[in-house]
Amino acid sequence: VLTEFPELKDPRTGHSLTERTILIANTSNMPVAAREASIYTGVTLAEYYRDMGYHVAVMADSTSRWAEALREISGRLEEMPAEEGFPAYLATRLAEFYER
């Protein structure tokens, strides 16, 4: 995706999609803090442009990486795990994210 995306053109205008797109990549081999922060970075940027009056679409291809990052951070902080080792606050964080 990252290598092919810059070559994509908007069929209506013929301009490159990169002229009006922000792409935040989150891979499983990234540090855990970066994996957690990427979802918040994307939503914050989307809210910023929305508040400026732009039409915005946010797409997160997998929130499971984010949940795994939260589980890893929770384990390092020695917090009490809930179901399947995920932190007890996971459902709340997911709900807050989707409500934004």
PDB file of N, CA and C in Angstrom:
ATOM      1  N   VAL A   1       0.829  -1.197   0.000  1.00  0.00           N
ATOM      2  CA  VAL A   1       0.000   0.000   0.000  1.00  0.00           C
ATOM      3  C   VAL A   1       0.867   1.251   0.000  1.00  0.00           C
ATOM      4  N   LEU A   2       1.898   1.286   0.824  1.00  0.00           N
ATOM      5  CA  LEU A   2       2.703   2.497   0.940  1.00  0.00           C
ATOM      6  C   LEU A   2       3.470   2.810  -0.333  1.00  0.00           C
ATOM      7  N   THR A   3       3.855   1.797  -1.093  1.00  0.00           N
ATOM      8  CA  THR A   3       4.597   2.053  -2.329  1.00  0.00           C
ATOM      9  C   THR A   3       3.676   2.381  -3.495  1.00  0.00           C
ATOM     10  N   GLU A   4       2.475   1.838  -3.506  1.00  0.00           N
ATOM     11  CA  GLU A   4       1.544   2.065  -4.613  1.00  0.00           C
ATOM     12  C   GLU A   4       0.684   3.312  -4.423  1.00  0.00           C
ATOM     13  N   PHE A   5       0.439   3.715  -3.205  1.00  0.00           N
ATOM     14  CA  PHE A   5      -0.478   4.821  -2.929  1.00  0.00           C
ATOM     15  C   PHE A   5      -0.094   6.126  -3.622  1.00  0.00           C
ATOM     16  N   PRO A   6       1.176   6.539  -3.604  1.00  0.00           N
ATOM     17  CA  PRO A   6       1.517   7.820  -4.250  1.00  0.00           C
ATOM     18  C   PRO A   6       1.206   7.864  -5.746  1.00  0.00           C
ATOM     19  N   GLU A   7       1.060   6.722  -6.370  1.00  0.00           N
ATOM     20  CA  GLU A   7       0.783   6.672  -7.808  1.00  0.00           C
ATOM     21  C   GLU A   7      -0.708   6.764  -8.132  1.00  0.00           C
ATOM     22  N   LEU A   8      -1.581   6.621  -7.153  1.00  0.00           N
ATOM     23  CA  LEU A   8      -3.023   6.637  -7.397  1.00  0.00           C
ATOM     24  C   LEU A   8      -3.510   8.044  -7.723  1.00  0.00           C
ATOM     25  N   LYS A   9      -4.434   8.123  -8.675  1.00  0.00           N
ATOM     26  CA  LYS A   9      -4.994   9.405  -9.113  1.00  0.00           C
ATOM     27  C   LYS A   9      -6.482   9.464  -8.786  1.00  0.00           C
ATOM     28  N   ASP A  10      -6.962  10.662  -8.492  1.00  0.00           N
ATOM     29  CA  ASP A  10      -8.393  10.892  -8.293  1.00  0.00           C
ATOM     30  C   ASP A  10      -9.057  10.832  -9.664  1.00  0.00           C
ATOM     31  N   PRO A  11     -10.024   9.935  -9.867  1.00  0.00           N
ATOM     32  CA  PRO A  11     -10.633   9.814 -11.191  1.00  0.00           C
ATOM     33  C   PRO A  11     -11.402  11.063 -11.637  1.00  0.00           C
ATOM     34  N   ARG A  12     -11.869  11.873 -10.688  1.00  0.00           N
ATOM     35  CA  ARG A  12     -12.614  13.085 -11.052  1.00  0.00           C
ATOM     36  C   ARG A  12     -11.699  14.219 -11.491  1.00  0.00           C
ATOM     37  N   THR A  13     -10.571  14.390 -10.800  1.00  0.00           N
ATOM     38  CA  THR A  13      -9.705  15.540 -11.071  1.00  0.00           C
ATOM     39  C   THR A  13      -8.421  15.178 -11.806  1.00  0.00           C
ATOM     40  N   GLY A  14      -7.999  13.933 -11.689  1.00  0.00           N
ATOM     41  CA  GLY A  14      -6.731  13.529 -12.291  1.00  0.00           C
ATOM     42  C   GLY A  14      -5.524  13.853 -11.426  1.00  0.00           C
ATOM     43  N   HIS A  15      -5.750  14.489 -10.286  1.00  0.00           N
ATOM     44  CA  HIS A  15      -4.655  14.830  -9.373  1.00  0.00           C
ATOM     45  C   HIS A  15      -4.307  13.625  -8.500  1.00  0.00           C
ATOM     46  N   SER A  16      -3.109  13.650  -7.972  1.00  0.00           N
ATOM     47  CA  SER A  16      -2.665  12.584  -7.078  1.00  0.00           C
ATOM     48  C   SER A  16      -3.479  12.610  -5.784  1.00  0.00           C
ATOM     49  N   LEU A  17      -3.838  11.436  -5.289  1.00  0.00           N
ATOM     50  CA  LEU A  17      -4.584  11.364  -4.026  1.00  0.00           C
ATOM     51  C   LEU A  17      -3.760  11.849  -2.844  1.00  0.00           C
ATOM     52  N   THR A  18      -2.440  11.829  -2.972  1.00  0.00           N
ATOM     53  CA  THR A  18      -1.600  12.272  -1.861  1.00  0.00           C
ATOM     54  C   THR A  18      -1.710  13.774  -1.614  1.00  0.00           C
ATOM     55  N   GLU A  19      -2.282  14.518  -2.567  1.00  0.00           N
ATOM     56  CA  GLU A  19      -2.446  15.958  -2.379  1.00  0.00           C
ATOM     57  C   GLU A  19      -3.501  16.286  -1.326  1.00  0.00           C
ATOM     58  N   ARG A  20      -4.395  15.342  -1.041  1.00  0.00           N
ATOM     59  CA  ARG A  20      -5.473  15.614  -0.083  1.00  0.00           C
ATOM     60  C   ARG A  20      -5.685  14.456   0.885  1.00  0.00           C
ATOM     61  N   THR A  21      -4.617  13.725   1.163  1.00  0.00           N
ATOM     62  CA  THR A  21      -4.725  12.546   2.015  1.00  0.00           C
ATOM     63  C   THR A  21      -3.620  12.545   3.061  1.00  0.00           C
ATOM     64  N   ILE A  22      -3.971  12.140   4.261  1.00  0.00           N
ATOM     65  CA  ILE A  22      -2.986  11.896   5.314  1.00  0.00           C
ATOM     66  C   ILE A  22      -3.039  10.410   5.613  1.00  0.00           C
ATOM     67  N   LEU A  23      -1.907   9.758   5.553  1.00  0.00           N
ATOM     68  CA  LEU A  23      -1.830   8.320   5.787  1.00  0.00           C
ATOM     69  C   LEU A  23      -0.934   8.074   6.991  1.00  0.00           C
ATOM     70  N   ILE A  24      -1.470   7.412   7.992  1.00  0.00           N
ATOM     71  CA  ILE A  24      -0.697   7.056   9.179  1.00  0.00           C
ATOM     72  C   ILE A  24      -0.583   5.545   9.193  1.00  0.00           C
ATOM     73  N   ALA A  25       0.626   5.058   9.047  1.00  0.00           N
ATOM     74  CA  ALA A  25       0.853   3.615   8.998  1.00  0.00           C
ATOM     75  C   ALA A  25       1.231   3.108  10.379  1.00  0.00           C
ATOM     76  N   ASN A  26       0.657   1.986  10.741  1.00  0.00           N
ATOM     77  CA  ASN A  26       0.904   1.356  12.033  1.00  0.00           C
ATOM     78  C   ASN A  26       1.176  -0.114  11.752  1.00  0.00           C
ATOM     79  N   THR A  27       2.431  -0.506  11.860  1.00  0.00           N
ATOM     80  CA  THR A  27       2.777  -1.899  11.593  1.00  0.00           C
ATOM     81  C   THR A  27       3.059  -2.630  12.896  1.00  0.00           C
ATOM     82  N   SER A  28       2.933  -3.931  12.855  1.00  0.00           N
ATOM     83  CA  SER A  28       3.085  -4.729  14.076  1.00  0.00           C
ATOM     84  C   SER A  28       4.515  -4.737  14.602  1.00  0.00           C
ATOM     85  N   ASN A  29       5.495  -4.350  13.789  1.00  0.00           N
ATOM     86  CA  ASN A  29       6.873  -4.339  14.276  1.00  0.00           C
ATOM     87  C   ASN A  29       7.291  -2.970  14.822  1.00  0.00           C
ATOM     88  N   MET A  30       6.348  -2.032  14.903  1.00  0.00           N
ATOM     89  CA  MET A  30       6.639  -0.722  15.482  1.00  0.00           C
ATOM     90  C   MET A  30       6.674  -0.829  17.003  1.00  0.00           C
ATOM     91  N   PRO A  31       7.368   0.101  17.667  1.00  0.00           N
ATOM     92  CA  PRO A  31       7.353   0.101  19.135  1.00  0.00           C
ATOM     93  C   PRO A  31       5.925   0.227  19.656  1.00  0.00           C
ATOM     94  N   VAL A  32       5.681  -0.356  20.800  1.00  0.00           N
ATOM     95  CA  VAL A  32       4.326  -0.415  21.350  1.00  0.00           C
ATOM     96  C   VAL A  32       3.735   0.981  21.571  1.00  0.00           C
ATOM     97  N   ALA A  33       4.536   1.938  21.993  1.00  0.00           N
ATOM     98  CA  ALA A  33       4.022   3.296  22.215  1.00  0.00           C
ATOM     99  C   ALA A  33       3.576   3.934  20.902  1.00  0.00           C
ATOM    100  N   ALA A  34       4.295   3.679  19.831  1.00  0.00           N
ATOM    101  CA  ALA A  34       3.915   4.215  18.520  1.00  0.00           C
ATOM    102  C   ALA A  34       2.631   3.564  18.025  1.00  0.00           C
ATOM    103  N   ARG A  35       2.476   2.269  18.289  1.00  0.00           N
ATOM    104  CA  ARG A  35       1.249   1.584  17.877  1.00  0.00           C
ATOM    105  C   ARG A  35       0.040   2.140  18.616  1.00  0.00           C
ATOM    106  N   GLU A  36       0.220   2.470  19.877  1.00  0.00           N
ATOM    107  CA  GLU A  36      -0.903   3.035  20.634  1.00  0.00           C
ATOM    108  C   GLU A  36      -1.193   4.465  20.177  1.00  0.00           C
ATOM    109  N   ALA A  37      -0.157   5.250  19.958  1.00  0.00           N
ATOM    110  CA  ALA A  37      -0.333   6.663  19.618  1.00  0.00           C
ATOM    111  C   ALA A  37      -0.890   6.886  18.221  1.00  0.00           C
ATOM    112  N   SER A  38      -0.658   5.970  17.304  1.00  0.00           N
ATOM    113  CA  SER A  38      -1.062   6.207  15.915  1.00  0.00           C
ATOM    114  C   SER A  38      -2.570   6.378  15.764  1.00  0.00           C
ATOM    115  N   ILE A  39      -3.349   5.645  16.511  1.00  0.00           N
ATOM    116  CA  ILE A  39      -4.804   5.754  16.395  1.00  0.00           C
ATOM    117  C   ILE A  39      -5.284   7.120  16.885  1.00  0.00           C
ATOM    118  N   TYR A  40      -4.694   7.599  17.971  1.00  0.00           N
ATOM    119  CA  TYR A  40      -5.061   8.914  18.492  1.00  0.00           C
ATOM    120  C   TYR A  40      -4.575  10.032  17.565  1.00  0.00           C
ATOM    121  N   THR A  41      -3.420   9.846  16.958  1.00  0.00           N
ATOM    122  CA  THR A  41      -2.900  10.828  16.004  1.00  0.00           C
ATOM    123  C   THR A  41      -3.848  10.981  14.827  1.00  0.00           C
ATOM    124  N   GLY A  42      -4.296   9.862  14.287  1.00  0.00           N
ATOM    125  CA  GLY A  42      -5.208   9.896  13.150  1.00  0.00           C
ATOM    126  C   GLY A  42      -6.523  10.577  13.471  1.00  0.00           C
ATOM    127  N   VAL A  43      -7.100  10.251  14.603  1.00  0.00           N
ATOM    128  CA  VAL A  43      -8.388  10.844  14.983  1.00  0.00           C
ATOM    129  C   VAL A  43      -8.231  12.335  15.274  1.00  0.00           C
ATOM    130  N   THR A  44      -7.145  12.712  15.915  1.00  0.00           N
ATOM    131  CA  THR A  44      -6.915  14.124  16.218  1.00  0.00           C
ATOM    132  C   THR A  44      -6.755  14.940  14.938  1.00  0.00           C
ATOM    133  N   LEU A  45      -6.003  14.412  13.975  1.00  0.00           N
ATOM    134  CA  LEU A  45      -5.856  15.102  12.691  1.00  0.00           C
ATOM    135  C   LEU A  45      -7.199  15.221  11.973  1.00  0.00           C
ATOM    136  N   ALA A  46      -7.977  14.160  12.000  1.00  0.00           N
ATOM    137  CA  ALA A  46      -9.291  14.182  11.353  1.00  0.00           C
ATOM    138  C   ALA A  46     -10.199  15.227  12.000  1.00  0.00           C
ATOM    139  N   GLU A  47     -10.193  15.290  13.320  1.00  0.00           N
ATOM    140  CA  GLU A  47     -11.018  16.281  14.017  1.00  0.00           C
ATOM    141  C   GLU A  47     -10.565  17.705  13.693  1.00  0.00           C
ATOM    142  N   TYR A  48      -9.267  17.903  13.573  1.00  0.00           N
ATOM    143  CA  TYR A  48      -8.724  19.220  13.236  1.00  0.00           C
ATOM    144  C   TYR A  48      -9.244  19.689  11.877  1.00  0.00           C
ATOM    145  N   TYR A  49      -9.125  18.831  10.868  1.00  0.00           N
ATOM    146  CA  TYR A  49      -9.580  19.212   9.528  1.00  0.00           C
ATOM    147  C   TYR A  49     -11.103  19.312   9.450  1.00  0.00           C
ATOM    148  N   ARG A  50     -11.805  18.475  10.193  1.00  0.00           N
ATOM    149  CA  ARG A  50     -13.265  18.586  10.262  1.00  0.00           C
ATOM    150  C   ARG A  50     -13.670  19.937  10.833  1.00  0.00           C
ATOM    151  N   ASP A  51     -12.995  20.352  11.909  1.00  0.00           N
ATOM    152  CA  ASP A  51     -13.304  21.629  12.537  1.00  0.00           C
ATOM    153  C   ASP A  51     -12.969  22.812  11.631  1.00  0.00           C
ATOM    154  N   MET A  52     -12.070  22.603  10.670  1.00  0.00           N
ATOM    155  CA  MET A  52     -11.746  23.647   9.694  1.00  0.00           C
ATOM    156  C   MET A  52     -12.770  23.692   8.559  1.00  0.00           C
ATOM    157  N   GLY A  53     -13.708  22.746   8.551  1.00  0.00           N
ATOM    158  CA  GLY A  53     -14.760  22.745   7.548  1.00  0.00           C
ATOM    159  C   GLY A  53     -14.565  21.764   6.405  1.00  0.00           C
ATOM    160  N   TYR A  54     -13.518  20.962   6.467  1.00  0.00           N
ATOM    161  CA  TYR A  54     -13.280  19.972   5.418  1.00  0.00           C
ATOM    162  C   TYR A  54     -14.133  18.726   5.646  1.00  0.00           C
ATOM    163  N   HIS A  55     -14.409  18.013   4.571  1.00  0.00           N
ATOM    164  CA  HIS A  55     -15.061  16.712   4.672  1.00  0.00           C
ATOM    165  C   HIS A  55     -13.973  15.691   4.972  1.00  0.00           C
ATOM    166  N   VAL A  56     -14.184  14.877   5.998  1.00  0.00           N
ATOM    167  CA  VAL A  56     -13.144  13.971   6.481  1.00  0.00           C
ATOM    168  C   VAL A  56     -13.696  12.559   6.591  1.00  0.00           C
ATOM    169  N   ALA A  57     -12.883  11.595   6.210  1.00  0.00           N
ATOM    170  CA  ALA A  57     -13.203  10.177   6.423  1.00  0.00           C
ATOM    171  C   ALA A  57     -12.014   9.539   7.126  1.00  0.00           C
ATOM    172  N   VAL A  58     -12.280   8.800   8.181  1.00  0.00           N
ATOM    173  CA  VAL A  58     -11.231   8.100   8.919  1.00  0.00           C
ATOM    174  C   VAL A  58     -11.435   6.610   8.719  1.00  0.00           C
ATOM    175  N   MET A  59     -10.366   5.937   8.355  1.00  0.00           N
ATOM    176  CA  MET A  59     -10.425   4.489   8.184  1.00  0.00           C
ATOM    177  C   MET A  59      -9.305   3.849   8.996  1.00  0.00           C
ATOM    178  N   ALA A  60      -9.673   2.991   9.906  1.00  0.00           N
ATOM    179  CA  ALA A  60      -8.696   2.217  10.675  1.00  0.00           C
ATOM    180  C   ALA A  60      -8.868   0.770  10.243  1.00  0.00           C
ATOM    181  N   ASP A  61      -7.856   0.233   9.588  1.00  0.00           N
ATOM    182  CA  ASP A  61      -8.018  -1.112   9.031  1.00  0.00           C
ATOM    183  C   ASP A  61      -8.013  -2.195  10.091  1.00  0.00           C
ATOM    184  N   SER A  62      -7.446  -1.907  11.254  1.00  0.00           N
ATOM    185  CA  SER A  62      -7.399  -2.936  12.284  1.00  0.00           C
ATOM    186  C   SER A  62      -7.211  -2.295  13.649  1.00  0.00           C
ATOM    187  N   THR A  63      -8.234  -2.374  14.473  1.00  0.00           N
ATOM    188  CA  THR A  63      -8.067  -1.888  15.843  1.00  0.00           C
ATOM    189  C   THR A  63      -7.497  -2.981  16.740  1.00  0.00           C
ATOM    190  N   SER A  64      -7.303  -4.165  16.186  1.00  0.00           N
ATOM    191  CA  SER A  64      -6.739  -5.250  16.996  1.00  0.00           C
ATOM    192  C   SER A  64      -5.284  -4.963  17.357  1.00  0.00           C
ATOM    193  N   ARG A  65      -4.517  -4.316  16.463  1.00  0.00           N
ATOM    194  CA  ARG A  65      -3.132  -3.955  16.799  1.00  0.00           C
ATOM    195  C   ARG A  65      -3.110  -2.962  17.950  1.00  0.00           C
ATOM    196  N   TRP A  66      -4.066  -2.067  17.938  1.00  0.00           N
ATOM    197  CA  TRP A  66      -4.169  -1.090  19.017  1.00  0.00           C
ATOM    198  C   TRP A  66      -4.501  -1.797  20.326  1.00  0.00           C
ATOM    199  N   ALA A  67      -5.441  -2.727  20.289  1.00  0.00           N
ATOM    200  CA  ALA A  67      -5.806  -3.486  21.486  1.00  0.00           C
ATOM    201  C   ALA A  67      -4.619  -4.296  21.998  1.00  0.00           C
ATOM    202  N   GLU A  68      -3.846  -4.880  21.088  1.00  0.00           N
ATOM    203  CA  GLU A  68      -2.659  -5.633  21.496  1.00  0.00           C
ATOM    204  C   GLU A  68      -1.624  -4.715  22.135  1.00  0.00           C
ATOM    205  N   ALA A  69      -1.478  -3.501  21.607  1.00  0.00           N
ATOM    206  CA  ALA A  69      -0.548  -2.540  22.198  1.00  0.00           C
ATOM    207  C   ALA A  69      -0.998  -2.160  23.605  1.00  0.00           C
ATOM    208  N   LEU A  70      -2.305  -1.947  23.783  1.00  0.00           N
ATOM    209  CA  LEU A  70      -2.820  -1.637  25.121  1.00  0.00           C
ATOM    210  C   LEU A  70      -2.580  -2.792  26.082  1.00  0.00           C
ATOM    211  N   ARG A  71      -2.738  -4.018  25.590  1.00  0.00           N
ATOM    212  CA  ARG A  71      -2.496  -5.189  26.436  1.00  0.00           C
ATOM    213  C   ARG A  71      -1.030  -5.254  26.846  1.00  0.00           C
ATOM    214  N   GLU A  72      -0.132  -4.980  25.898  1.00  0.00           N
ATOM    215  CA  GLU A  72       1.298  -5.021  26.200  1.00  0.00           C
ATOM    216  C   GLU A  72       1.688  -3.940  27.203  1.00  0.00           C
ATOM    217  N   ILE A  73       1.179  -2.735  27.025  1.00  0.00           N
ATOM    218  CA  ILE A  73       1.470  -1.644  27.962  1.00  0.00           C
ATOM    219  C   ILE A  73       0.908  -1.969  29.337  1.00  0.00           C
ATOM    220  N   SER A  74      -0.306  -2.488  29.379  1.00  0.00           N
ATOM    221  CA  SER A  74      -0.933  -2.854  30.644  1.00  0.00           C
ATOM    222  C   SER A  74      -0.114  -3.914  31.375  1.00  0.00           C
ATOM    223  N   GLY A  75       0.407  -4.874  30.626  1.00  0.00           N
ATOM    224  CA  GLY A  75       1.242  -5.911  31.228  1.00  0.00           C
ATOM    225  C   GLY A  75       2.525  -5.349  31.806  1.00  0.00           C
ATOM    226  N   ARG A  76       3.132  -4.412  31.091  1.00  0.00           N
ATOM    227  CA  ARG A  76       4.370  -3.794  31.576  1.00  0.00           C
ATOM    228  C   ARG A  76       4.134  -2.955  32.823  1.00  0.00           C
ATOM    229  N   LEU A  77       2.928  -2.384  32.922  1.00  0.00           N
ATOM    230  CA  LEU A  77       2.584  -1.589  34.102  1.00  0.00           C
ATOM    231  C   LEU A  77       2.066  -2.452  35.245  1.00  0.00           C
ATOM    232  N   GLU A  78       2.010  -3.758  35.011  1.00  0.00           N
ATOM    233  CA  GLU A  78       1.539  -4.739  35.991  1.00  0.00           C
ATOM    234  C   GLU A  78       0.114  -4.452  36.458  1.00  0.00           C
ATOM    235  N   GLU A  79      -0.729  -4.009  35.518  1.00  0.00           N
ATOM    236  CA  GLU A  79      -2.139  -3.798  35.834  1.00  0.00           C
ATOM    237  C   GLU A  79      -2.862  -5.136  35.829  1.00  0.00           C
ATOM    238  N   MET A  80      -3.936  -5.215  36.557  1.00  0.00           N
ATOM    239  CA  MET A  80      -4.727  -6.437  36.633  1.00  0.00           C
ATOM    240  C   MET A  80      -5.435  -6.666  35.299  1.00  0.00           C
ATOM    241  N   PRO A  81      -5.196  -7.798  34.646  1.00  0.00           N
ATOM    242  CA  PRO A  81      -5.851  -8.046  33.357  1.00  0.00           C
ATOM    243  C   PRO A  81      -7.300  -8.489  33.521  1.00  0.00           C
ATOM    244  N   ALA A  82      -8.066  -8.278  32.455  1.00  0.00           N
ATOM    245  CA  ALA A  82      -9.450  -8.766  32.397  1.00  0.00           C
ATOM    246  C   ALA A  82      -9.463  -9.974  31.462  1.00  0.00           C
ATOM    247  N   GLU A  83     -10.488 -10.095  30.639  1.00  0.00           N
ATOM    248  CA  GLU A  83     -10.619 -11.237  29.739  1.00  0.00           C
ATOM    249  C   GLU A  83      -9.439 -11.351  28.784  1.00  0.00           C
ATOM    250  N   GLU A  84      -8.948 -12.565  28.619  1.00  0.00           N
ATOM    251  CA  GLU A  84      -7.894 -12.907  27.673  1.00  0.00           C
ATOM    252  C   GLU A  84      -6.660 -12.030  27.807  1.00  0.00           C
ATOM    253  N   GLY A  85      -6.418 -11.494  28.980  1.00  0.00           N
ATOM    254  CA  GLY A  85      -5.223 -10.710  29.237  1.00  0.00           C
ATOM    255  C   GLY A  85      -5.306  -9.257  28.820  1.00  0.00           C
ATOM    256  N   PHE A  86      -6.421  -8.848  28.244  1.00  0.00           N
ATOM    257  CA  PHE A  86      -6.569  -7.450  27.851  1.00  0.00           C
ATOM    258  C   PHE A  86      -6.878  -6.611  29.083  1.00  0.00           C
ATOM    259  N   PRO A  87      -6.513  -5.317  29.056  1.00  0.00           N
ATOM    260  CA  PRO A  87      -6.806  -4.468  30.213  1.00  0.00           C
ATOM    261  C   PRO A  87      -8.310  -4.280  30.400  1.00  0.00           C
ATOM    262  N   ALA A  88      -8.712  -4.079  31.636  1.00  0.00           N
ATOM    263  CA  ALA A  88     -10.134  -3.936  31.958  1.00  0.00           C
ATOM    264  C   ALA A  88     -10.756  -2.713  31.293  1.00  0.00           C
ATOM    265  N   TYR A  89      -9.954  -1.705  30.988  1.00  0.00           N
ATOM    266  CA  TYR A  89     -10.475  -0.475  30.389  1.00  0.00           C
ATOM    267  C   TYR A  89     -10.545  -0.532  28.863  1.00  0.00           C
ATOM    268  N   LEU A  90     -10.246  -1.671  28.257  1.00  0.00           N
ATOM    269  CA  LEU A  90     -10.219  -1.768  26.795  1.00  0.00           C
ATOM    270  C   LEU A  90     -11.563  -1.407  26.169  1.00  0.00           C
ATOM    271  N   ALA A  91     -12.650  -1.935  26.684  1.00  0.00           N
ATOM    272  CA  ALA A  91     -13.972  -1.656  26.112  1.00  0.00           C
ATOM    273  C   ALA A  91     -14.291  -0.166  26.171  1.00  0.00           C
ATOM    274  N   THR A  92     -13.917   0.480  27.260  1.00  0.00           N
ATOM    275  CA  THR A  92     -14.159   1.914  27.405  1.00  0.00           C
ATOM    276  C   THR A  92     -13.355   2.703  26.390  1.00  0.00           C
ATOM    277  N   ARG A  93     -12.086   2.344  26.219  1.00  0.00           N
ATOM    278  CA  ARG A  93     -11.235   3.047  25.248  1.00  0.00           C
ATOM    279  C   ARG A  93     -11.759   2.881  23.824  1.00  0.00           C
ATOM    280  N   LEU A  94     -12.166   1.663  23.484  1.00  0.00           N
ATOM    281  CA  LEU A  94     -12.716   1.422  22.145  1.00  0.00           C
ATOM    282  C   LEU A  94     -13.987   2.238  21.924  1.00  0.00           C
ATOM    283  N   ALA A  95     -14.868   2.259  22.913  1.00  0.00           N
ATOM    284  CA  ALA A  95     -16.113   3.022  22.795  1.00  0.00           C
ATOM    285  C   ALA A  95     -15.828   4.513  22.639  1.00  0.00           C
ATOM    286  N   GLU A  96     -14.900   5.043  23.428  1.00  0.00           N
ATOM    287  CA  GLU A  96     -14.546   6.457  23.330  1.00  0.00           C
ATOM    288  C   GLU A  96     -13.993   6.784  21.949  1.00  0.00           C
ATOM    289  N   PHE A  97     -13.176   5.879  21.407  1.00  0.00           N
ATOM    290  CA  PHE A  97     -12.602   6.096  20.078  1.00  0.00           C
ATOM    291  C   PHE A  97     -13.692   6.155  19.019  1.00  0.00           C
ATOM    292  N   TYR A  98     -14.587   5.182  19.022  1.00  0.00           N
ATOM    293  CA  TYR A  98     -15.620   5.134  17.990  1.00  0.00           C
ATOM    294  C   TYR A  98     -16.653   6.248  18.142  1.00  0.00           C
ATOM    295  N   GLU A  99     -16.840   6.759  19.350  1.00  0.00           N
ATOM    296  CA  GLU A  99     -17.765   7.875  19.562  1.00  0.00           C
ATOM    297  C   GLU A  99     -17.208   9.189  19.031  1.00  0.00           C
ATOM    298  N   ARG A 100     -15.893   9.303  18.999  1.00  0.00           N
ATOM    299  CA  ARG A 100     -15.272  10.535  18.503  1.00  0.00           C
ATOM    300  C   ARG A 100     -15.590  10.682  17.048  1.00  0.00           C
TER     301      ARG A 100
END
